[in-house]
Structure formats: structure tokens, C-alpha cells
Amino acid sequence: MKICFPIGEDYSTDSRILEHLGSAPILMVVDTDTGASVSFNNRIKSDGHQCVPFKALRGMSIDAAVADSICDKALNILTDNGVAVFIRPSATISGTLTCPGRR
């Protein structure tokens, strides 16, 4: 499963998850099957918006996104494309990936 996380600084899976998906300076995608991670600059400006996370992902296919806050438009785009959206259960990516209840 490929999961997208909004982060401020890239410390691999020790990165702290930021509150809002759209305004995070970096998006990290972690592949839970392989353990691989890749991060993307999230400061692409388009259509008058501060950032456009879907363009920052450069067409990468993701299965889920984790954040505390997401705008309705982004939520609708993600869910319409089959991406599950979750509220972060931990402050870090590694804590979220190892939280009880994760399969």
C-alpha cells in the first residue's frame, strides 16, 4: 500500500506529520509493502492556489493519505479516485505505520 503523508522536513519515516495535506512543504509517499519512501516538493503553484498536492505527486498512484486537515475539494478528488483518507493517529510516520489496528 502506498500512503501519502504531509511533512515539513524529510527524516524518512521519522518525519513528523504536519496537520494539513495541502499546505505541507513536502509530501512523502511510503510503500508499506517494500518499506521504500520518496518525497516530493509540495510548493507547486497553480490556478491561484498556494500548492497543489496532486501535481506535486507527479502522477504517482497512492492508496491512502494521512493528515489532520484536508479541504473538501482535495478530499473529494482523493476519494473519487479511490484514495482512502485517514486522520493521523501518531505524530510521526513510523508511529502511524506501527499503530495498533494497522494491517
PDB file of N, CA and C in Angstrom:
ATOM      1  N   MET A   1       0.845  -1.171   0.000  1.00  0.00           N
ATOM      2  CA  MET A   1       0.000   0.000   0.000  1.00  0.00           C
ATOM      3  C   MET A   1       0.894   1.238   0.000  1.00  0.00           C
ATOM      4  N   LYS A   2       0.555   2.207  -0.834  1.00  0.00           N
ATOM      5  CA  LYS A   2       1.301   3.474  -0.885  1.00  0.00           C
ATOM      6  C   LYS A   2       0.487   4.545  -0.157  1.00  0.00           C
ATOM      7  N   ILE A   3       1.111   5.116   0.883  1.00  0.00           N
ATOM      8  CA  ILE A   3       0.433   6.098   1.728  1.00  0.00           C
ATOM      9  C   ILE A   3       1.163   7.427   1.644  1.00  0.00           C
ATOM     10  N   CYS A   4       0.407   8.500   1.448  1.00  0.00           N
ATOM     11  CA  CYS A   4       0.956   9.849   1.336  1.00  0.00           C
ATOM     12  C   CYS A   4       0.833  10.578   2.683  1.00  0.00           C
ATOM     13  N   PHE A   5       1.925  11.222   3.104  1.00  0.00           N
ATOM     14  CA  PHE A   5       1.967  11.969   4.353  1.00  0.00           C
ATOM     15  C   PHE A   5       2.448  13.395   4.102  1.00  0.00           C
ATOM     16  N   PRO A   6       1.836  14.408   4.721  1.00  0.00           N
ATOM     17  CA  PRO A   6       2.343  15.783   4.640  1.00  0.00           C
ATOM     18  C   PRO A   6       3.412  15.979   5.716  1.00  0.00           C
ATOM     19  N   ILE A   7       4.600  16.417   5.304  1.00  0.00           N
ATOM     20  CA  ILE A   7       5.691  16.611   6.268  1.00  0.00           C
ATOM     21  C   ILE A   7       6.364  17.965   6.063  1.00  0.00           C
ATOM     22  N   GLY A   8       7.099  18.397   7.072  1.00  0.00           N
ATOM     23  CA  GLY A   8       7.818  19.668   6.991  1.00  0.00           C
ATOM     24  C   GLY A   8       9.277  19.483   6.649  1.00  0.00           C
ATOM     25  N   GLU A   9       9.884  18.427   7.184  1.00  0.00           N
ATOM     26  CA  GLU A   9      11.279  18.105   6.918  1.00  0.00           C
ATOM     27  C   GLU A   9      11.386  16.608   6.694  1.00  0.00           C
ATOM     28  N   ASP A  10      12.279  16.208   5.784  1.00  0.00           N
ATOM     29  CA  ASP A  10      12.398  14.811   5.415  1.00  0.00           C
ATOM     30  C   ASP A  10      13.410  14.098   6.311  1.00  0.00           C
ATOM     31  N   TYR A  11      12.881  13.336   7.251  1.00  0.00           N
ATOM     32  CA  TYR A  11      13.692  12.463   8.102  1.00  0.00           C
ATOM     33  C   TYR A  11      13.249  11.017   7.885  1.00  0.00           C
ATOM     34  N   SER A  12      12.959  10.680   6.655  1.00  0.00           N
ATOM     35  CA  SER A  12      12.426   9.372   6.284  1.00  0.00           C
ATOM     36  C   SER A  12      11.187   9.091   7.136  1.00  0.00           C
ATOM     37  N   THR A  13      11.040   7.883   7.645  1.00  0.00           N
ATOM     38  CA  THR A  13       9.823   7.587   8.406  1.00  0.00           C
ATOM     39  C   THR A  13       9.832   8.172   9.811  1.00  0.00           C
ATOM     40  N   ASP A  14      10.918   8.830  10.197  1.00  0.00           N
ATOM     41  CA  ASP A  14      10.938   9.561  11.468  1.00  0.00           C
ATOM     42  C   ASP A  14      10.381  10.980  11.305  1.00  0.00           C
ATOM     43  N   SER A  15       9.975  11.325  10.102  1.00  0.00           N
ATOM     44  CA  SER A  15       9.414  12.656   9.830  1.00  0.00           C
ATOM     45  C   SER A  15       8.131  12.865  10.619  1.00  0.00           C
ATOM     46  N   ARG A  16       7.956  14.092  11.106  1.00  0.00           N
ATOM     47  CA  ARG A  16       6.721  14.459  11.794  1.00  0.00           C
ATOM     48  C   ARG A  16       5.657  14.776  10.745  1.00  0.00           C
ATOM     49  N   ILE A  17       4.463  14.271  10.973  1.00  0.00           N
ATOM     50  CA  ILE A  17       3.343  14.510  10.071  1.00  0.00           C
ATOM     51  C   ILE A  17       2.748  15.873  10.399  1.00  0.00           C
ATOM     52  N   LEU A  18       2.612  16.715   9.397  1.00  0.00           N
ATOM     53  CA  LEU A  18       2.003  18.028   9.590  1.00  0.00           C
ATOM     54  C   LEU A  18       0.486  17.917   9.533  1.00  0.00           C
ATOM     55  N   GLU A  19      -0.151  18.971   9.984  1.00  0.00           N
ATOM     56  CA  GLU A  19      -1.608  18.967  10.117  1.00  0.00           C
ATOM     57  C   GLU A  19      -2.342  18.914   8.787  1.00  0.00           C
ATOM     58  N   HIS A  20      -1.918  19.724   7.817  1.00  0.00           N
ATOM     59  CA  HIS A  20      -2.705  19.907   6.600  1.00  0.00           C
ATOM     60  C   HIS A  20      -1.984  19.369   5.377  1.00  0.00           C
ATOM     61  N   LEU A  21      -2.657  18.532   4.626  1.00  0.00           N
ATOM     62  CA  LEU A  21      -2.082  17.915   3.433  1.00  0.00           C
ATOM     63  C   LEU A  21      -1.694  18.954   2.384  1.00  0.00           C
ATOM     64  N   GLY A  22      -2.575  19.897   2.126  1.00  0.00           N
ATOM     65  CA  GLY A  22      -2.338  20.847   1.042  1.00  0.00           C
ATOM     66  C   GLY A  22      -1.243  21.863   1.290  1.00  0.00           C
ATOM     67  N   SER A  23      -1.041  22.270   2.548  1.00  0.00           N
ATOM     68  CA  SER A  23      -0.063  23.328   2.809  1.00  0.00           C
ATOM     69  C   SER A  23       1.286  22.819   3.295  1.00  0.00           C
ATOM     70  N   ALA A  24       1.471  21.529   3.399  1.00  0.00           N
ATOM     71  CA  ALA A  24       2.762  20.976   3.810  1.00  0.00           C
ATOM     72  C   ALA A  24       3.805  21.236   2.725  1.00  0.00           C
ATOM     73  N   PRO A  25       5.023  21.611   3.098  1.00  0.00           N
ATOM     74  CA  PRO A  25       6.044  21.872   2.080  1.00  0.00           C
ATOM     75  C   PRO A  25       6.527  20.618   1.357  1.00  0.00           C
ATOM     76  N   ILE A  26       6.355  19.458   2.001  1.00  0.00           N
ATOM     77  CA  ILE A  26       6.830  18.197   1.419  1.00  0.00           C
ATOM     78  C   ILE A  26       5.746  17.137   1.575  1.00  0.00           C
ATOM     79  N   LEU A  27       5.580  16.319   0.563  1.00  0.00           N
ATOM     80  CA  LEU A  27       4.727  15.136   0.651  1.00  0.00           C
ATOM     81  C   LEU A  27       5.628  13.916   0.556  1.00  0.00           C
ATOM     82  N   MET A  28       5.438  12.958   1.468  1.00  0.00           N
ATOM     83  CA  MET A  28       6.202  11.720   1.420  1.00  0.00           C
ATOM     84  C   MET A  28       5.248  10.570   1.153  1.00  0.00           C
ATOM     85  N   VAL A  29       5.632   9.709   0.224  1.00  0.00           N
ATOM     86  CA  VAL A  29       4.856   8.512  -0.064  1.00  0.00           C
ATOM     87  C   VAL A  29       5.679   7.318   0.413  1.00  0.00           C
ATOM     88  N   VAL A  30       5.054   6.518   1.280  1.00  0.00           N
ATOM     89  CA  VAL A  30       5.696   5.322   1.818  1.00  0.00           C
ATOM     90  C   VAL A  30       4.983   4.102   1.263  1.00  0.00           C
ATOM     91  N   ASP A  31       5.758   3.180   0.726  1.00  0.00           N
ATOM     92  CA  ASP A  31       5.219   1.910   0.241  1.00  0.00           C
ATOM     93  C   ASP A  31       5.345   0.914   1.389  1.00  0.00           C
ATOM     94  N   THR A  32       4.238   0.543   2.001  1.00  0.00           N
ATOM     95  CA  THR A  32       4.280  -0.340   3.164  1.00  0.00           C
ATOM     96  C   THR A  32       4.672  -1.771   2.794  1.00  0.00           C
ATOM     97  N   ASP A  33       4.572  -2.132   1.528  1.00  0.00           N
ATOM     98  CA  ASP A  33       4.964  -3.476   1.101  1.00  0.00           C
ATOM     99  C   ASP A  33       6.480  -3.614   1.007  1.00  0.00           C
ATOM    100  N   THR A  34       7.149  -2.551   0.544  1.00  0.00           N
ATOM    101  CA  THR A  34       8.603  -2.618   0.346  1.00  0.00           C
ATOM    102  C   THR A  34       9.390  -1.830   1.387  1.00  0.00           C
ATOM    103  N   GLY A  35       8.733  -0.901   2.062  1.00  0.00           N
ATOM    104  CA  GLY A  35       9.419  -0.030   3.018  1.00  0.00           C
ATOM    105  C   GLY A  35      10.067   1.181   2.353  1.00  0.00           C
ATOM    106  N   ALA A  36       9.991   1.256   1.038  1.00  0.00           N
ATOM    107  CA  ALA A  36      10.593   2.379   0.315  1.00  0.00           C
ATOM    108  C   ALA A  36       9.776   3.648   0.535  1.00  0.00           C
ATOM    109  N   SER A  37      10.472   4.781   0.519  1.00  0.00           N
ATOM    110  CA  SER A  37       9.783   6.064   0.637  1.00  0.00           C
ATOM    111  C   SER A  37      10.392   7.050  -0.356  1.00  0.00           C
ATOM    112  N   VAL A  38       9.559   7.965  -0.814  1.00  0.00           N
ATOM    113  CA  VAL A  38      10.008   9.013  -1.721  1.00  0.00           C
ATOM    114  C   VAL A  38       9.285  10.287  -1.317  1.00  0.00           C
ATOM    115  N   SER A  39       9.994  11.418  -1.376  1.00  0.00           N
ATOM    116  CA  SER A  39       9.364  12.682  -1.002  1.00  0.00           C
ATOM    117  C   SER A  39       9.364  13.637  -2.181  1.00  0.00           C
ATOM    118  N   PHE A  40       8.367  14.543  -2.173  1.00  0.00           N
ATOM    119  CA  PHE A  40       8.164  15.489  -3.260  1.00  0.00           C
ATOM    120  C   PHE A  40       7.966  16.886  -2.702  1.00  0.00           C
ATOM    121  N   ASN A  41       8.516  17.875  -3.373  1.00  0.00           N
ATOM    122  CA  ASN A  41       8.260  19.271  -3.041  1.00  0.00           C
ATOM    123  C   ASN A  41       6.782  19.543  -3.288  1.00  0.00           C
ATOM    124  N   ASN A  42       6.108  20.159  -2.330  1.00  0.00           N
ATOM    125  CA  ASN A  42       4.674  20.441  -2.441  1.00  0.00           C
ATOM    126  C   ASN A  42       4.424  21.928  -2.644  1.00  0.00           C
ATOM    127  N   ARG A  43       5.330  22.611  -3.247  1.00  0.00           N
ATOM    128  CA  ARG A  43       5.164  24.055  -3.457  1.00  0.00           C
ATOM    129  C   ARG A  43       4.945  24.396  -4.919  1.00  0.00           C
ATOM    130  N   ILE A  44       4.177  23.582  -5.594  1.00  0.00           N
ATOM    131  CA  ILE A  44       3.835  23.853  -6.991  1.00  0.00           C
ATOM    132  C   ILE A  44       2.615  24.764  -6.997  1.00  0.00           C
ATOM    133  N   LYS A  45       2.747  25.937  -7.625  1.00  0.00           N
ATOM    134  CA  LYS A  45       1.631  26.878  -7.647  1.00  0.00           C
ATOM    135  C   LYS A  45       0.856  26.718  -8.950  1.00  0.00           C
ATOM    136  N   SER A  46      -0.458  26.757  -8.807  1.00  0.00           N
ATOM    137  CA  SER A  46      -1.305  26.585  -9.978  1.00  0.00           C
ATOM    138  C   SER A  46      -2.672  27.180  -9.702  1.00  0.00           C
ATOM    139  N   ASP A  47      -3.247  27.788 -10.689  1.00  0.00           N
ATOM    140  CA  ASP A  47      -4.613  28.286 -10.598  1.00  0.00           C
ATOM    141  C   ASP A  47      -4.858  29.179  -9.389  1.00  0.00           C
ATOM    142  N   GLY A  48      -3.849  29.940  -8.969  1.00  0.00           N
ATOM    143  CA  GLY A  48      -4.012  30.853  -7.859  1.00  0.00           C
ATOM    144  C   GLY A  48      -3.948  30.202  -6.491  1.00  0.00           C
ATOM    145  N   HIS A  49      -3.763  28.896  -6.414  1.00  0.00           N
ATOM    146  CA  HIS A  49      -3.677  28.204  -5.130  1.00  0.00           C
ATOM    147  C   HIS A  49      -2.226  28.169  -4.670  1.00  0.00           C
ATOM    148  N   GLN A  50      -2.035  28.148  -3.370  1.00  0.00           N
ATOM    149  CA  GLN A  50      -0.682  28.109  -2.816  1.00  0.00           C
ATOM    150  C   GLN A  50       0.055  26.846  -3.242  1.00  0.00           C
ATOM    151  N   CYS A  51      -0.616  25.737  -3.178  1.00  0.00           N
ATOM    152  CA  CYS A  51       0.015  24.487  -3.567  1.00  0.00           C
ATOM    153  C   CYS A  51      -1.035  23.513  -4.084  1.00  0.00           C
ATOM    154  N   VAL A  52      -0.588  22.608  -4.884  1.00  0.00           N
ATOM    155  CA  VAL A  52      -1.482  21.632  -5.487  1.00  0.00           C
ATOM    156  C   VAL A  52      -0.855  20.256  -5.262  1.00  0.00           C
ATOM    157  N   PRO A  53      -1.226  19.574  -4.153  1.00  0.00           N
ATOM    158  CA  PRO A  53      -0.544  18.323  -3.824  1.00  0.00           C
ATOM    159  C   PRO A  53      -0.643  17.249  -4.894  1.00  0.00           C
ATOM    160  N   PHE A  54      -1.707  17.249  -5.671  1.00  0.00           N
ATOM    161  CA  PHE A  54      -1.851  16.210  -6.686  1.00  0.00           C
ATOM    162  C   PHE A  54      -0.839  16.401  -7.801  1.00  0.00           C
ATOM    163  N   LYS A  55      -0.489  17.641  -8.104  1.00  0.00           N
ATOM    164  CA  LYS A  55       0.558  17.894  -9.094  1.00  0.00           C
ATOM    165  C   LYS A  55       1.926  17.562  -8.504  1.00  0.00           C
ATOM    166  N   ALA A  56       2.103  17.812  -7.207  1.00  0.00           N
ATOM    167  CA  ALA A  56       3.378  17.510  -6.557  1.00  0.00           C
ATOM    168  C   ALA A  56       3.681  16.014  -6.594  1.00  0.00           C
ATOM    169  N   LEU A  57       2.660  15.196  -6.552  1.00  0.00           N
ATOM    170  CA  LEU A  57       2.859  13.740  -6.571  1.00  0.00           C
ATOM    171  C   LEU A  57       3.251  13.220  -7.948  1.00  0.00           C
ATOM    172  N   ARG A  58       3.208  14.088  -8.942  1.00  0.00           N
ATOM    173  CA  ARG A  58       3.664  13.759 -10.293  1.00  0.00           C
ATOM    174  C   ARG A  58       3.020  12.499 -10.859  1.00  0.00           C
ATOM    175  N   GLY A  59       1.724  12.355 -10.608  1.00  0.00           N
ATOM    176  CA  GLY A  59       1.009  11.229 -11.173  1.00  0.00           C
ATOM    177  C   GLY A  59       1.233   9.905 -10.455  1.00  0.00           C
ATOM    178  N   MET A  60       1.948   9.934  -9.322  1.00  0.00           N
ATOM    179  CA  MET A  60       2.172   8.699  -8.577  1.00  0.00           C
ATOM    180  C   MET A  60       0.847   8.167  -8.046  1.00  0.00           C
ATOM    181  N   SER A  61       0.649   6.902  -8.170  1.00  0.00           N
ATOM    182  CA  SER A  61      -0.556   6.258  -7.663  1.00  0.00           C
ATOM    183  C   SER A  61      -0.411   6.040  -6.164  1.00  0.00           C
ATOM    184  N   ILE A  62      -1.400   6.502  -5.389  1.00  0.00           N
ATOM    185  CA  ILE A  62      -1.387   6.273  -3.948  1.00  0.00           C
ATOM    186  C   ILE A  62      -2.694   5.594  -3.542  1.00  0.00           C
ATOM    187  N   ASP A  63      -2.620   4.852  -2.450  1.00  0.00           N
ATOM    188  CA  ASP A  63      -3.792   4.145  -1.939  1.00  0.00           C
ATOM    189  C   ASP A  63      -4.463   4.886  -0.796  1.00  0.00           C
ATOM    190  N   ALA A  64      -3.674   5.694  -0.067  1.00  0.00           N
ATOM    191  CA  ALA A  64      -4.204   6.383   1.105  1.00  0.00           C
ATOM    192  C   ALA A  64      -3.423   7.654   1.369  1.00  0.00           C
ATOM    193  N   ALA A  65      -4.043   8.565   2.117  1.00  0.00           N
ATOM    194  CA  ALA A  65      -3.398   9.793   2.568  1.00  0.00           C
ATOM    195  C   ALA A  65      -3.720   9.960   4.049  1.00  0.00           C
ATOM    196  N   VAL A  66      -2.763  10.508   4.797  1.00  0.00           N
ATOM    197  CA  VAL A  66      -2.931  10.716   6.231  1.00  0.00           C
ATOM    198  C   VAL A  66      -2.688  12.177   6.539  1.00  0.00           C
ATOM    199  N   ALA A  67      -3.612  12.802   7.263  1.00  0.00           N
ATOM    200  CA  ALA A  67      -3.464  14.203   7.667  1.00  0.00           C
ATOM    201  C   ALA A  67      -4.477  14.491   8.770  1.00  0.00           C
ATOM    202  N   ASP A  68      -4.349  15.639   9.393  1.00  0.00           N
ATOM    203  CA  ASP A  68      -5.351  16.084  10.364  1.00  0.00           C
ATOM    204  C   ASP A  68      -6.419  16.934   9.697  1.00  0.00           C
ATOM    205  N   SER A  69      -6.026  17.581   8.607  1.00  0.00           N
ATOM    206  CA  SER A  69      -6.924  18.525   7.959  1.00  0.00           C
ATOM    207  C   SER A  69      -6.775  18.416   6.446  1.00  0.00           C
ATOM    208  N   ILE A  70      -7.897  18.475   5.762  1.00  0.00           N
ATOM    209  CA  ILE A  70      -7.885  18.430   4.301  1.00  0.00           C
ATOM    210  C   ILE A  70      -9.121  19.187   3.817  1.00  0.00           C
ATOM    211  N   CYS A  71      -8.954  19.999   2.785  1.00  0.00           N
ATOM    212  CA  CYS A  71     -10.094  20.767   2.286  1.00  0.00           C
ATOM    213  C   CYS A  71     -11.069  19.840   1.564  1.00  0.00           C
ATOM    214  N   ASP A  72     -12.299  20.285   1.458  1.00  0.00           N
ATOM    215  CA  ASP A  72     -13.339  19.471   0.822  1.00  0.00           C
ATOM    216  C   ASP A  72     -12.989  19.102  -0.610  1.00  0.00           C
ATOM    217  N   LYS A  73     -12.421  20.055  -1.356  1.00  0.00           N
ATOM    218  CA  LYS A  73     -12.087  19.786  -2.756  1.00  0.00           C
ATOM    219  C   LYS A  73     -11.053  18.662  -2.857  1.00  0.00           C
ATOM    220  N   ALA A  74     -10.001  18.743  -2.051  1.00  0.00           N
ATOM    221  CA  ALA A  74      -8.961  17.711  -2.072  1.00  0.00           C
ATOM    222  C   ALA A  74      -9.516  16.372  -1.606  1.00  0.00           C
ATOM    223  N   LEU A  75     -10.338  16.398  -0.573  1.00  0.00           N
ATOM    224  CA  LEU A  75     -10.945  15.169  -0.071  1.00  0.00           C
ATOM    225  C   LEU A  75     -11.792  14.502  -1.156  1.00  0.00           C
ATOM    226  N   ASN A  76     -12.587  15.291  -1.852  1.00  0.00           N
ATOM    227  CA  ASN A  76     -13.427  14.752  -2.919  1.00  0.00           C
ATOM    228  C   ASN A  76     -12.601  14.183  -4.064  1.00  0.00           C
ATOM    229  N   ILE A  77     -11.541  14.883  -4.441  1.00  0.00           N
ATOM    230  CA  ILE A  77     -10.689  14.392  -5.531  1.00  0.00           C
ATOM    231  C   ILE A  77     -10.050  13.068  -5.132  1.00  0.00           C
ATOM    232  N   LEU A  78      -9.536  13.000  -3.902  1.00  0.00           N
ATOM    233  CA  LEU A  78      -8.896  11.765  -3.448  1.00  0.00           C
ATOM    234  C   LEU A  78      -9.890  10.614  -3.401  1.00  0.00           C
ATOM    235  N   THR A  79     -11.007  10.824  -2.738  1.00  0.00           N
ATOM    236  CA  THR A  79     -11.964   9.727  -2.584  1.00  0.00           C
ATOM    237  C   THR A  79     -12.586   9.328  -3.927  1.00  0.00           C
ATOM    238  N   ASP A  80     -12.801  10.301  -4.816  1.00  0.00           N
ATOM    239  CA  ASP A  80     -13.322   9.979  -6.150  1.00  0.00           C
ATOM    240  C   ASP A  80     -12.343   9.122  -6.950  1.00  0.00           C
ATOM    241  N   ASN A  81     -11.063   9.186  -6.580  1.00  0.00           N
ATOM    242  CA  ASN A  81     -10.031   8.399  -7.263  1.00  0.00           C
ATOM    243  C   ASN A  81      -9.633   7.164  -6.466  1.00  0.00           C
ATOM    244  N   GLY A  82     -10.467   6.784  -5.507  1.00  0.00           N
ATOM    245  CA  GLY A  82     -10.233   5.554  -4.762  1.00  0.00           C
ATOM    246  C   GLY A  82      -9.171   5.629  -3.686  1.00  0.00           C
ATOM    247  N   VAL A  83      -8.792   6.838  -3.286  1.00  0.00           N
ATOM    248  CA  VAL A  83      -7.775   7.016  -2.248  1.00  0.00           C
ATOM    249  C   VAL A  83      -8.468   7.180  -0.904  1.00  0.00           C
ATOM    250  N   ALA A  84      -8.121   6.321   0.049  1.00  0.00           N
ATOM    251  CA  ALA A  84      -8.668   6.429   1.405  1.00  0.00           C
ATOM    252  C   ALA A  84      -7.964   7.558   2.143  1.00  0.00           C
ATOM    253  N   VAL A  85      -8.700   8.296   2.954  1.00  0.00           N
ATOM    254  CA  VAL A  85      -8.131   9.412   3.718  1.00  0.00           C
ATOM    255  C   VAL A  85      -8.334   9.131   5.197  1.00  0.00           C
ATOM    256  N   PHE A  86      -7.238   9.227   5.955  1.00  0.00           N
ATOM    257  CA  PHE A  86      -7.270   8.921   7.383  1.00  0.00           C
ATOM    258  C   PHE A  86      -6.732  10.086   8.208  1.00  0.00           C
ATOM    259  N   ILE A  87      -7.262  10.240   9.411  1.00  0.00           N
ATOM    260  CA  ILE A  87      -6.722  11.198  10.370  1.00  0.00           C
ATOM    261  C   ILE A  87      -5.509  10.546  11.018  1.00  0.00           C
ATOM    262  N   ARG A  88      -4.442  11.311  11.179  1.00  0.00           N
ATOM    263  CA  ARG A  88      -3.206  10.729  11.712  1.00  0.00           C
ATOM    264  C   ARG A  88      -3.374  10.260  13.153  1.00  0.00           C
ATOM    265  N   PRO A  89      -2.980   9.014  13.431  1.00  0.00           N
ATOM    266  CA  PRO A  89      -3.065   8.507  14.796  1.00  0.00           C
ATOM    267  C   PRO A  89      -1.810   8.769  15.617  1.00  0.00           C
ATOM    268  N   SER A  90      -0.730   9.238  14.975  1.00  0.00           N
ATOM    269  CA  SER A  90       0.543   9.470  15.660  1.00  0.00           C
ATOM    270  C   SER A  90       1.207  10.693  15.050  1.00  0.00           C
ATOM    271  N   ALA A  91       2.155  11.272  15.769  1.00  0.00           N
ATOM    272  CA  ALA A  91       2.841  12.470  15.289  1.00  0.00           C
ATOM    273  C   ALA A  91       3.852  12.174  14.187  1.00  0.00           C
ATOM    274  N   THR A  92       4.322  10.922  14.100  1.00  0.00           N
ATOM    275  CA  THR A  92       5.340  10.581  13.107  1.00  0.00           C
ATOM    276  C   THR A  92       4.825   9.518  12.143  1.00  0.00           C
ATOM    277  N   ILE A  93       5.504   9.418  11.015  1.00  0.00           N
ATOM    278  CA  ILE A  93       5.140   8.402  10.035  1.00  0.00           C
ATOM    279  C   ILE A  93       5.349   7.012  10.622  1.00  0.00           C
ATOM    280  N   SER A  94       6.508   6.777  11.249  1.00  0.00           N
ATOM    281  CA  SER A  94       6.772   5.444  11.813  1.00  0.00           C
ATOM    282  C   SER A  94       5.756   5.086  12.882  1.00  0.00           C
ATOM    283  N   GLY A  95       5.362   6.048  13.721  1.00  0.00           N
ATOM    284  CA  GLY A  95       4.346   5.791  14.735  1.00  0.00           C
ATOM    285  C   GLY A  95       2.999   5.461  14.126  1.00  0.00           C
ATOM    286  N   THR A  96       2.677   6.118  13.039  1.00  0.00           N
ATOM    287  CA  THR A  96       1.408   5.857  12.350  1.00  0.00           C
ATOM    288  C   THR A  96       1.424   4.476  11.698  1.00  0.00           C
ATOM    289  N   LEU A  97       2.543   4.113  11.099  1.00  0.00           N
ATOM    290  CA  LEU A  97       2.641   2.823  10.418  1.00  0.00           C
ATOM    291  C   LEU A  97       2.634   1.650  11.384  1.00  0.00           C
ATOM    292  N   THR A  98       2.995   1.881  12.630  1.00  0.00           N
ATOM    293  CA  THR A  98       3.056   0.791  13.604  1.00  0.00           C
ATOM    294  C   THR A  98       1.934   0.866  14.636  1.00  0.00           C
ATOM    295  N   CYS A  99       0.972   1.779  14.433  1.00  0.00           N
ATOM    296  CA  CYS A  99      -0.097   1.931  15.421  1.00  0.00           C
ATOM    297  C   CYS A  99      -0.986   0.682  15.448  1.00  0.00           C
ATOM    298  N   PRO A 100      -1.553   0.383  16.620  1.00  0.00           N
ATOM    299  CA  PRO A 100      -2.450  -0.773  16.705  1.00  0.00           C
ATOM    300  C   PRO A 100      -3.616  -0.626  15.734  1.00  0.00           C
ATOM    301  N   GLY A 101      -4.013  -1.711  15.152  1.00  0.00           N
ATOM    302  CA  GLY A 101      -5.127  -1.694  14.220  1.00  0.00           C
ATOM    303  C   GLY A 101      -4.703  -1.597  12.772  1.00  0.00           C
ATOM    304  N   ARG A 102      -3.443  -1.218  12.503  1.00  0.00           N
ATOM    305  CA  ARG A 102      -2.954  -1.172  11.127  1.00  0.00           C
ATOM    306  C   ARG A 102      -2.652  -2.583  10.663  1.00  0.00           C
ATOM    307  N   ARG A 103      -3.055  -2.883   9.466  1.00  0.00           N
ATOM    308  CA  ARG A 103      -2.816  -4.232   8.917  1.00  0.00           C
ATOM    309  C   ARG A 103      -1.649  -4.224   7.995  1.00  0.00           C
TER     310      ARG A 103
END
